[in-house]
Amino acid sequence: MKKQVYVVEDNEDIGELIGYILNNEAYDVTICPNVAAFHLAMQQAVPDVIVLDVMLPDGNGIEVCKELKSSQKFTQVPVIIMSANADKKTVSKDACAEDFIGKPFNIDDFQHRVERYLE
């Protein structure tokens, strides 16, 4: 069974690139362009890892991460926060995410970080 990755990213080009990278690694990838779409996806299935942008059109990824980590159902799902505007220290302290990737990102580094949580 393929590992499931949810990517919450409002930039269509970045979402498409991430989807391409992860699909090539044989992961099942769901791209959510906003928080509302992400919440709908989470009602369908719990992913193996979540890649979550901070600045979204209908919410804040840090707040979404806090909500996930406070829920018994989702607390064990690894979350990787991505941002061009926030720094690792702030995100680690505020969001309780397992990892942080700054934008722009190195494709190989991105791939290795996601794979680490899918092993």
C-alpha atoms as a PDB file:
ATOM      1  CA  MET A   1       0.000   0.000   0.000  1.00  0.00           C
ATOM      2  CA  LYS A   2       1.328   3.422  -0.981  1.00  0.00           C
ATOM      3  CA  LYS A   3       2.178   5.926   1.721  1.00  0.00           C
ATOM      4  CA  GLN A   4      -0.204   8.912   1.730  1.00  0.00           C
ATOM      5  CA  VAL A   5       1.135  12.487   1.742  1.00  0.00           C
ATOM      6  CA  TYR A   6      -1.095  15.550   2.054  1.00  0.00           C
ATOM      7  CA  VAL A   7       0.423  18.774   0.769  1.00  0.00           C
ATOM      8  CA  VAL A   8      -1.294  22.016   1.771  1.00  0.00           C
ATOM      9  CA  GLU A   9       0.094  24.615  -0.634  1.00  0.00           C
ATOM     10  CA  ASP A  10      -1.768  27.480  -2.299  1.00  0.00           C
ATOM     11  CA  ASN A  11       0.914  28.183  -4.928  1.00  0.00           C
ATOM     12  CA  GLU A  12      -0.111  25.972  -7.839  1.00  0.00           C
ATOM     13  CA  ASP A  13       3.416  25.745  -9.283  1.00  0.00           C
ATOM     14  CA  ILE A  14       4.972  24.681  -5.965  1.00  0.00           C
ATOM     15  CA  GLY A  15       2.155  22.197  -5.344  1.00  0.00           C
ATOM     16  CA  GLU A  16       2.635  20.721  -8.806  1.00  0.00           C
ATOM     17  CA  LEU A  17       6.411  20.421  -8.282  1.00  0.00           C
ATOM     18  CA  ILE A  18       5.985  18.744  -4.884  1.00  0.00           C
ATOM     19  CA  GLY A  19       3.369  16.398  -6.323  1.00  0.00           C
ATOM     20  CA  TYR A  20       5.709  15.459  -9.158  1.00  0.00           C
ATOM     21  CA  ILE A  21       8.641  14.818  -6.803  1.00  0.00           C
ATOM     22  CA  LEU A  22       6.624  12.649  -4.428  1.00  0.00           C
ATOM     23  CA  ASN A  23       4.658  10.797  -7.105  1.00  0.00           C
ATOM     24  CA  ASN A  24       7.986   9.781  -8.679  1.00  0.00           C
ATOM     25  CA  GLU A  25       8.836   8.183  -5.328  1.00  0.00           C
ATOM     26  CA  ALA A  26       5.600   6.165  -5.560  1.00  0.00           C
ATOM     27  CA  TYR A  27       3.747   8.046  -2.821  1.00  0.00           C
ATOM     28  CA  ASP A  28       0.043   8.821  -3.057  1.00  0.00           C
ATOM     29  CA  VAL A  29      -0.080  12.627  -2.984  1.00  0.00           C
ATOM     30  CA  THR A  30      -3.100  14.846  -2.333  1.00  0.00           C
ATOM     31  CA  ILE A  31      -2.587  18.557  -3.007  1.00  0.00           C
ATOM     32  CA  CYS A  32      -4.863  20.853  -1.000  1.00  0.00           C
ATOM     33  CA  PRO A  33      -4.826  24.494  -2.157  1.00  0.00           C
ATOM     34  CA  ASN A  34      -6.281  25.788   1.108  1.00  0.00           C
ATOM     35  CA  VAL A  35      -7.255  24.866   4.672  1.00  0.00           C
ATOM     36  CA  ALA A  36     -10.860  24.066   3.735  1.00  0.00           C
ATOM     37  CA  ALA A  37      -9.756  21.482   1.156  1.00  0.00           C
ATOM     38  CA  PHE A  38      -7.302  20.050   3.693  1.00  0.00           C
ATOM     39  CA  HIS A  39     -10.035  19.612   6.313  1.00  0.00           C
ATOM     40  CA  LEU A  40     -12.198  17.802   3.756  1.00  0.00           C
ATOM     41  CA  ALA A  41      -9.294  15.495   2.850  1.00  0.00           C
ATOM     42  CA  MET A  42      -8.640  14.762   6.536  1.00  0.00           C
ATOM     43  CA  GLN A  43     -12.260  13.588   6.878  1.00  0.00           C
ATOM     44  CA  GLN A  44     -11.606  11.006   4.140  1.00  0.00           C
ATOM     45  CA  ALA A  45      -8.320   9.522   5.397  1.00  0.00           C
ATOM     46  CA  VAL A  46      -5.455  10.223   7.766  1.00  0.00           C
ATOM     47  CA  PRO A  47      -2.185  10.649   5.823  1.00  0.00           C
ATOM     48  CA  ASP A  48       1.227   9.284   6.756  1.00  0.00           C
ATOM     49  CA  VAL A  49       2.758  12.771   6.627  1.00  0.00           C
ATOM     50  CA  ILE A  50       1.565  16.343   6.037  1.00  0.00           C
ATOM     51  CA  VAL A  51       3.533  19.079   4.256  1.00  0.00           C
ATOM     52  CA  LEU A  52       1.951  22.359   5.341  1.00  0.00           C
ATOM     53  CA  ASP A  53       2.585  25.869   4.046  1.00  0.00           C
ATOM     54  CA  VAL A  54       2.323  28.694   6.590  1.00  0.00           C
ATOM     55  CA  MET A  55       0.633  31.408   4.542  1.00  0.00           C
ATOM     56  CA  LEU A  56      -2.626  30.106   3.103  1.00  0.00           C
ATOM     57  CA  PRO A  57      -5.570  32.038   1.635  1.00  0.00           C
ATOM     58  CA  ASP A  58      -8.000  30.887   4.319  1.00  0.00           C
ATOM     59  CA  GLY A  59      -5.802  30.246   7.318  1.00  0.00           C
ATOM     60  CA  ASN A  60      -2.387  29.956   8.884  1.00  0.00           C
ATOM     61  CA  GLY A  61      -0.389  26.721   8.695  1.00  0.00           C
ATOM     62  CA  ILE A  62       1.035  27.234  12.181  1.00  0.00           C
ATOM     63  CA  GLU A  63      -2.469  27.393  13.635  1.00  0.00           C
ATOM     64  CA  VAL A  64      -3.536  24.356  11.597  1.00  0.00           C
ATOM     65  CA  CYS A  65      -0.525  22.442  12.922  1.00  0.00           C
ATOM     66  CA  LYS A  66      -1.369  23.379  16.513  1.00  0.00           C
ATOM     67  CA  GLU A  67      -4.926  22.106  15.998  1.00  0.00           C
ATOM     68  CA  LEU A  68      -3.646  18.828  14.554  1.00  0.00           C
ATOM     69  CA  LYS A  69      -1.177  18.262  17.368  1.00  0.00           C
ATOM     70  CA  SER A  70      -3.851  18.912  20.006  1.00  0.00           C
ATOM     71  CA  SER A  71      -6.135  16.232  18.506  1.00  0.00           C
ATOM     72  CA  GLN A  72      -5.784  12.631  19.722  1.00  0.00           C
ATOM     73  CA  LYS A  73      -6.613  11.397  16.219  1.00  0.00           C
ATOM     74  CA  PHE A  74      -3.876  13.373  14.449  1.00  0.00           C
ATOM     75  CA  THR A  75      -1.166  13.992  17.051  1.00  0.00           C
ATOM     76  CA  GLN A  76       1.048  11.167  15.718  1.00  0.00           C
ATOM     77  CA  VAL A  77       0.937  12.356  12.084  1.00  0.00           C
ATOM     78  CA  PRO A  78       4.269  14.017  11.232  1.00  0.00           C
ATOM     79  CA  VAL A  79       3.930  17.601   9.995  1.00  0.00           C
ATOM     80  CA  ILE A  80       6.555  19.395   7.937  1.00  0.00           C
ATOM     81  CA  ILE A  81       6.004  23.153   7.828  1.00  0.00           C
ATOM     82  CA  MET A  82       7.142  25.091   4.748  1.00  0.00           C
ATOM     83  CA  SER A  83       7.539  28.842   4.566  1.00  0.00           C
ATOM     84  CA  ALA A  84       9.351  31.605   2.757  1.00  0.00           C
ATOM     85  CA  ASN A  85       8.526  34.088   5.528  1.00  0.00           C
ATOM     86  CA  ALA A  86       8.810  32.241   8.845  1.00  0.00           C
ATOM     87  CA  ASP A  87      12.019  30.863  10.326  1.00  0.00           C
ATOM     88  CA  LYS A  88      12.715  27.435  11.788  1.00  0.00           C
ATOM     89  CA  LYS A  89      12.994  28.695  15.377  1.00  0.00           C
ATOM     90  CA  THR A  90       9.611  30.425  15.301  1.00  0.00           C
ATOM     91  CA  VAL A  91       7.868  27.534  13.588  1.00  0.00           C
ATOM     92  CA  SER A  92       9.382  24.921  15.912  1.00  0.00           C
ATOM     93  CA  LYS A  93       8.311  26.880  18.969  1.00  0.00           C
ATOM     94  CA  ASP A  94       4.853  27.884  17.775  1.00  0.00           C
ATOM     95  CA  ALA A  95       3.630  25.020  15.604  1.00  0.00           C
ATOM     96  CA  CYS A  96       4.921  21.804  17.222  1.00  0.00           C
ATOM     97  CA  ALA A  97       5.858  20.545  13.750  1.00  0.00           C
ATOM     98  CA  GLU A  98       8.370  17.742  13.345  1.00  0.00           C
ATOM     99  CA  ASP A  99      10.355  19.621  10.704  1.00  0.00           C
ATOM    100  CA  PHE A 100      10.699  22.897   8.818  1.00  0.00           C
ATOM    101  CA  ILE A 101      11.665  23.546   5.195  1.00  0.00           C
ATOM    102  CA  GLY A 102      12.406  27.076   4.079  1.00  0.00           C
ATOM    103  CA  LYS A 103      11.377  28.278   0.644  1.00  0.00           C
ATOM    104  CA  PRO A 104      12.933  28.211  -1.825  1.00  0.00           C
ATOM    105  CA  PHE A 105      13.973  24.643  -1.112  1.00  0.00           C
ATOM    106  CA  ASN A 106      16.460  22.149  -2.489  1.00  0.00           C
ATOM    107  CA  ILE A 107      14.544  19.335  -4.216  1.00  0.00           C
ATOM    108  CA  ASP A 108      16.842  16.567  -2.960  1.00  0.00           C
ATOM    109  CA  ASP A 109      16.735  17.906   0.607  1.00  0.00           C
ATOM    110  CA  PHE A 110      12.930  18.157   0.433  1.00  0.00           C
ATOM    111  CA  GLN A 111      12.633  14.593  -0.824  1.00  0.00           C
ATOM    112  CA  HIS A 112      14.945  13.220   1.888  1.00  0.00           C
ATOM    113  CA  ARG A 113      13.126  15.055   4.668  1.00  0.00           C
ATOM    114  CA  VAL A 114       9.729  13.725   3.615  1.00  0.00           C
ATOM    115  CA  GLU A 115      11.101  10.197   3.166  1.00  0.00           C
ATOM    116  CA  ARG A 116      12.532  10.278   6.672  1.00  0.00           C
ATOM    117  CA  TYR A 117       9.007  10.452   8.103  1.00  0.00           C
ATOM    118  CA  LEU A 118       7.653   7.779   5.765  1.00  0.00           C
ATOM    119  CA  GLU A 119      10.117   5.026   6.663  1.00  0.00           C
END
